[in-house]
Protein backbone atom coordinates (compact mmCIF):
# COMPACT_ATOMS: atom_id res chain seq x y z
CA MET A 1 143.81 39.28 108.33
CA ILE A 2 145.10 42.86 108.66
CA ALA A 3 142.70 45.66 107.72
CA ILE A 4 144.17 48.69 105.94
CA ILE A 5 141.73 51.54 106.49
CA ASP A 6 140.62 53.13 103.22
CA TYR A 7 139.42 56.60 104.20
CA LYS A 8 140.22 58.27 100.84
CA MET A 9 143.49 59.90 101.90
CA GLY A 10 146.20 59.17 99.40
CA ASN A 11 148.42 56.16 99.08
CA VAL A 12 146.40 53.42 100.74
CA ARG A 13 146.70 51.02 97.81
CA SER A 14 150.51 51.28 97.67
CA VAL A 15 150.65 50.46 101.38
CA ALA A 16 148.45 47.41 100.79
CA LYS A 17 150.83 46.28 98.03
CA ALA A 18 153.78 46.54 100.42
CA PHE A 19 152.05 44.17 102.85
CA GLU A 20 151.04 41.82 100.06
CA SER A 21 154.60 41.75 98.69
CA ILE A 22 155.82 40.03 101.88
CA GLY A 23 152.95 37.55 101.90
CA ALA A 24 150.68 39.20 104.47
CA LYS A 25 146.92 38.74 104.23
CA VAL A 26 145.35 42.19 104.08
CA THR A 27 142.09 43.82 103.09
CA LEU A 28 141.70 47.43 101.99
CA THR A 29 138.42 48.53 103.52
CA ALA A 30 136.24 51.11 105.24
CA ASN A 31 133.68 48.46 106.18
CA LYS A 32 133.11 48.50 109.93
CA ASN A 33 132.34 44.77 110.12
CA LYS A 34 135.65 43.93 108.43
CA LEU A 35 137.49 46.22 110.84
CA ARG A 36 135.86 44.40 113.75
CA THR A 37 136.97 40.98 112.56
CA ALA A 38 140.53 42.01 111.61
CA LYS A 39 143.40 41.03 113.90
CA ALA A 40 145.12 44.41 113.38
CA LEU A 41 144.55 47.79 111.72
CA VAL A 42 146.75 50.02 109.56
CA LEU A 43 145.97 53.72 109.15
CA PRO A 44 148.01 55.13 106.23
CA GLY A 45 147.43 58.45 104.54
CA VAL A 46 148.74 61.50 102.69
CA GLY A 47 147.22 64.97 102.85
CA ALA A 48 145.83 67.49 105.31
CA TYR A 49 145.15 66.61 108.95
CA SER A 50 141.69 68.21 109.02
CA ALA A 51 140.61 66.38 105.86
CA GLY A 52 141.80 63.08 107.30
CA MET A 53 139.78 63.51 110.49
CA LYS A 54 136.77 64.72 108.50
CA ASN A 55 136.82 61.59 106.37
CA LEU A 56 137.17 59.30 109.41
CA ARG A 57 134.17 61.03 111.02
CA LYS A 58 132.11 60.90 107.82
CA LEU A 59 132.74 57.17 107.47
CA LYS A 60 132.00 56.69 111.21
CA LEU A 61 135.31 54.88 111.68
CA ILE A 62 136.62 56.69 114.77
CA PRO A 63 134.64 54.54 117.27
CA GLU A 64 135.79 51.40 115.45
CA ILE A 65 139.45 52.42 115.68
CA GLN A 66 139.11 53.32 119.35
CA LYS A 67 137.33 50.05 120.11
CA ALA A 68 140.00 48.01 118.33
CA VAL A 69 142.75 49.72 120.33
CA ASN A 70 140.88 49.18 123.60
CA GLU A 71 140.57 45.48 122.73
CA GLY A 72 144.35 45.29 122.37
CA LYS A 73 144.53 44.99 118.59
CA PRO A 74 147.76 46.37 117.10
CA LEU A 75 147.35 49.64 115.18
CA LEU A 76 149.97 51.11 112.85
CA GLY A 77 149.73 54.72 111.62
CA ILE A 78 151.81 55.71 108.58
CA CYS A 79 152.70 59.31 107.63
CA LEU A 80 149.42 61.25 108.06
CA GLY A 81 148.14 58.17 109.86
CA LEU A 82 150.83 58.65 112.52
CA GLN A 83 149.85 62.29 112.98
CA LEU A 84 146.15 61.46 113.33
CA LEU A 85 146.98 59.23 116.31
CA PHE A 86 147.90 62.33 118.32
CA THR A 87 145.73 64.71 120.32
CA MET A 88 145.67 67.71 117.99
CA SER A 89 147.37 69.47 115.08
CA GLU A 90 148.14 73.09 114.30
CA GLU A 91 147.92 72.48 110.54
CA HIS A 92 145.65 75.20 109.04
CA GLY A 93 144.18 76.02 112.45
CA ARG A 94 143.76 73.76 115.45
CA HIS A 95 142.14 70.39 114.84
CA MET A 96 141.49 67.53 117.23
CA GLY A 97 142.81 64.07 116.37
CA LEU A 98 142.19 60.55 117.63
CA ASN A 99 144.03 61.30 120.91
CA LEU A 100 145.42 57.77 121.13
CA ILE A 101 148.93 59.10 121.84
CA PRO A 102 149.06 62.32 123.90
CA GLY A 103 150.83 65.10 122.04
CA GLU A 104 150.52 67.54 119.16
CA VAL A 105 151.46 67.96 115.51
CA VAL A 106 153.45 71.10 114.65
CA ARG A 107 155.04 72.64 111.55
CA PHE A 108 158.74 72.72 110.79
CA LYS A 109 160.28 76.18 111.15
CA SER A 110 160.01 78.44 108.12
CA ASN A 111 163.77 78.66 107.54
CA LEU A 112 163.78 75.03 106.37
CA LYS A 113 162.79 73.77 102.95
CA ILE A 114 159.23 72.53 103.33
CA PRO A 115 158.17 69.80 102.90
CA HIS A 116 160.92 67.66 104.35
CA MET A 117 161.22 65.36 101.35
CA GLY A 118 163.57 62.54 100.46
CA TRP A 119 165.85 60.07 102.23
CA ASN A 120 166.94 60.66 105.81
CA THR A 121 168.36 58.58 108.64
CA ILE A 122 166.68 57.49 111.85
CA THR A 123 168.13 56.75 115.29
CA GLN A 124 166.40 54.67 117.91
CA VAL A 125 165.94 56.26 121.33
CA LYS A 126 168.07 54.52 123.92
CA ARG A 127 166.16 53.28 126.96
CA LYS A 128 166.97 51.64 130.21
CA LYS A 129 165.66 48.11 130.59
CA LEU A 130 162.65 47.97 132.84
CA GLU A 131 162.39 45.44 135.60
CA GLU A 132 159.33 44.46 137.56
CA LYS A 133 159.36 41.90 140.34
CA GLY A 134 162.71 40.65 139.16
CA LYS A 135 161.53 39.99 135.59
CA ARG A 136 162.60 42.05 132.61
CA GLN A 137 159.71 43.69 130.83
CA LYS A 138 159.64 44.56 127.12
CA ILE A 139 159.42 48.27 126.37
CA SER A 140 156.43 48.94 124.16
CA GLY A 141 157.15 49.37 120.48
CA THR A 142 160.78 48.29 120.33
CA GLU A 143 159.81 45.14 118.40
CA LEU A 144 158.64 47.33 115.50
CA LEU A 145 162.25 48.42 114.92
CA LYS A 146 163.86 45.05 115.50
CA GLY A 147 166.79 44.58 113.12
CA ILE A 148 166.82 48.24 112.01
CA PRO A 149 170.35 49.67 112.55
CA ASP A 150 170.81 53.26 113.66
CA GLY A 151 171.60 55.42 110.66
CA SER A 152 169.24 53.51 108.38
CA TYR A 153 167.68 55.57 105.59
CA PHE A 154 163.93 55.93 105.05
CA TYR A 155 161.86 58.05 102.68
CA PHE A 156 160.00 61.09 104.08
CA VAL A 157 157.46 63.56 102.68
CA HIS A 158 155.92 65.86 105.31
CA SER A 159 155.68 69.46 106.50
CA TYR A 160 154.55 68.75 110.08
CA TYR A 161 155.94 66.47 112.78
CA VAL A 162 154.62 64.95 116.00
CA LYS A 163 155.60 66.04 119.52
CA PRO A 164 154.64 63.40 122.11
CA VAL A 165 154.09 64.72 125.62
CA LYS A 166 156.20 61.93 127.14
CA ARG A 167 159.61 60.69 126.08
CA GLN A 168 158.49 57.10 126.60
CA TYR A 169 156.32 57.41 123.46
CA ILE A 170 159.35 58.26 121.29
CA LEU A 171 160.86 55.17 119.67
CA ALA A 172 163.10 56.81 117.06
CA GLN A 173 164.12 60.25 115.90
CA CYS A 174 165.23 61.90 112.68
CA HIS A 175 167.08 65.22 112.22
CA TYR A 176 165.78 68.01 109.99
CA GLY A 177 166.70 71.38 111.44
CA ARG A 178 166.09 69.73 114.81
CA ASN A 179 165.54 66.24 116.15
CA PHE A 180 161.93 65.17 115.71
CA THR A 181 159.99 62.00 116.46
CA CYS A 182 159.71 59.76 113.42
CA VAL A 183 158.58 56.56 115.18
CA ALA A 184 156.17 56.62 118.11
CA GLY A 185 154.54 53.93 120.21
CA LYS A 186 152.17 53.50 123.13
CA GLY A 187 151.08 50.03 124.14
CA ASN A 188 149.60 48.33 121.08
CA ILE A 189 149.68 51.61 119.08
CA TYR A 190 152.55 52.30 116.68
CA GLY A 191 153.25 55.10 114.23
CA ILE A 192 155.90 55.95 111.63
CA GLN A 193 156.35 59.26 109.82
CA PHE A 194 158.23 57.90 106.81
CA HIS A 195 156.82 55.77 104.00
CA PRO A 196 157.82 52.11 104.39
CA GLU A 197 156.38 51.27 100.97
CA LYS A 198 158.91 53.71 99.43
CA SER A 199 161.83 52.79 101.69
CA SER A 200 163.19 49.69 99.96
CA ASP A 201 164.13 46.57 101.97
CA LEU A 202 164.28 48.26 105.38
CA GLY A 203 160.81 49.69 104.88
CA LEU A 204 159.51 46.20 104.15
CA LYS A 205 161.34 44.92 107.23
CA ILE A 206 159.28 47.27 109.40
CA VAL A 207 156.13 46.06 107.64
CA ARG A 208 157.22 42.48 108.36
CA ASN A 209 157.94 43.36 112.01
CA PHE A 210 154.43 44.77 112.40
CA CYS A 211 152.96 41.63 110.86
CA ARG A 212 154.85 39.53 113.39
CA ILE A 213 153.54 41.73 116.22
CA CYS A 214 150.07 40.88 114.89
CA GLY A 215 150.85 37.17 114.87
CA GLU A 216 150.92 37.11 111.08
CA VAL A 217 153.88 34.92 110.11
CA VAL A 218 155.54 36.21 106.92
């Protein structure tokens, strides 16, 4: 069972429907016991960074998310959920996040139409294959984008973007005035800036990829 965290920030039900549409077993919950027994967590969300963190604190969910990550459970952040994975945001002041991926959340420059809204393409970051003791090692997060061609279109709605401190956390980029990170990953933590539930078949493919990472066969 995959737990989709319901912390009263926007489109959580539509995300749950996307998972259900491919046959995944999910529960939409803020119950700490259900989060503890889930095999993976999804943190969706739409809205302000500070409000998102406030709601997570109020519901006392931050320790549960951190514990799940430390236990190795996969975690997927979507849109605001991606941004909350990072250290801090400059949205309406400076606000601390979950600090699961080192980096910050910054606003697009004022000469661009804000928010960045609509369909845009993504490009995976090319990486050298790692080798350790003669054995090839998988690079964290690449399985989330398996089968997604460069130039694929996804649906975005956001005014801020994430800036990881290390290139190794950047899995894919999008261009809007500048290249920005639209897919991030660190170990068992994944995040996407676009909305998979609004991105047609390729969006559902990413949902399916995450389910397979979790061991959920769909």
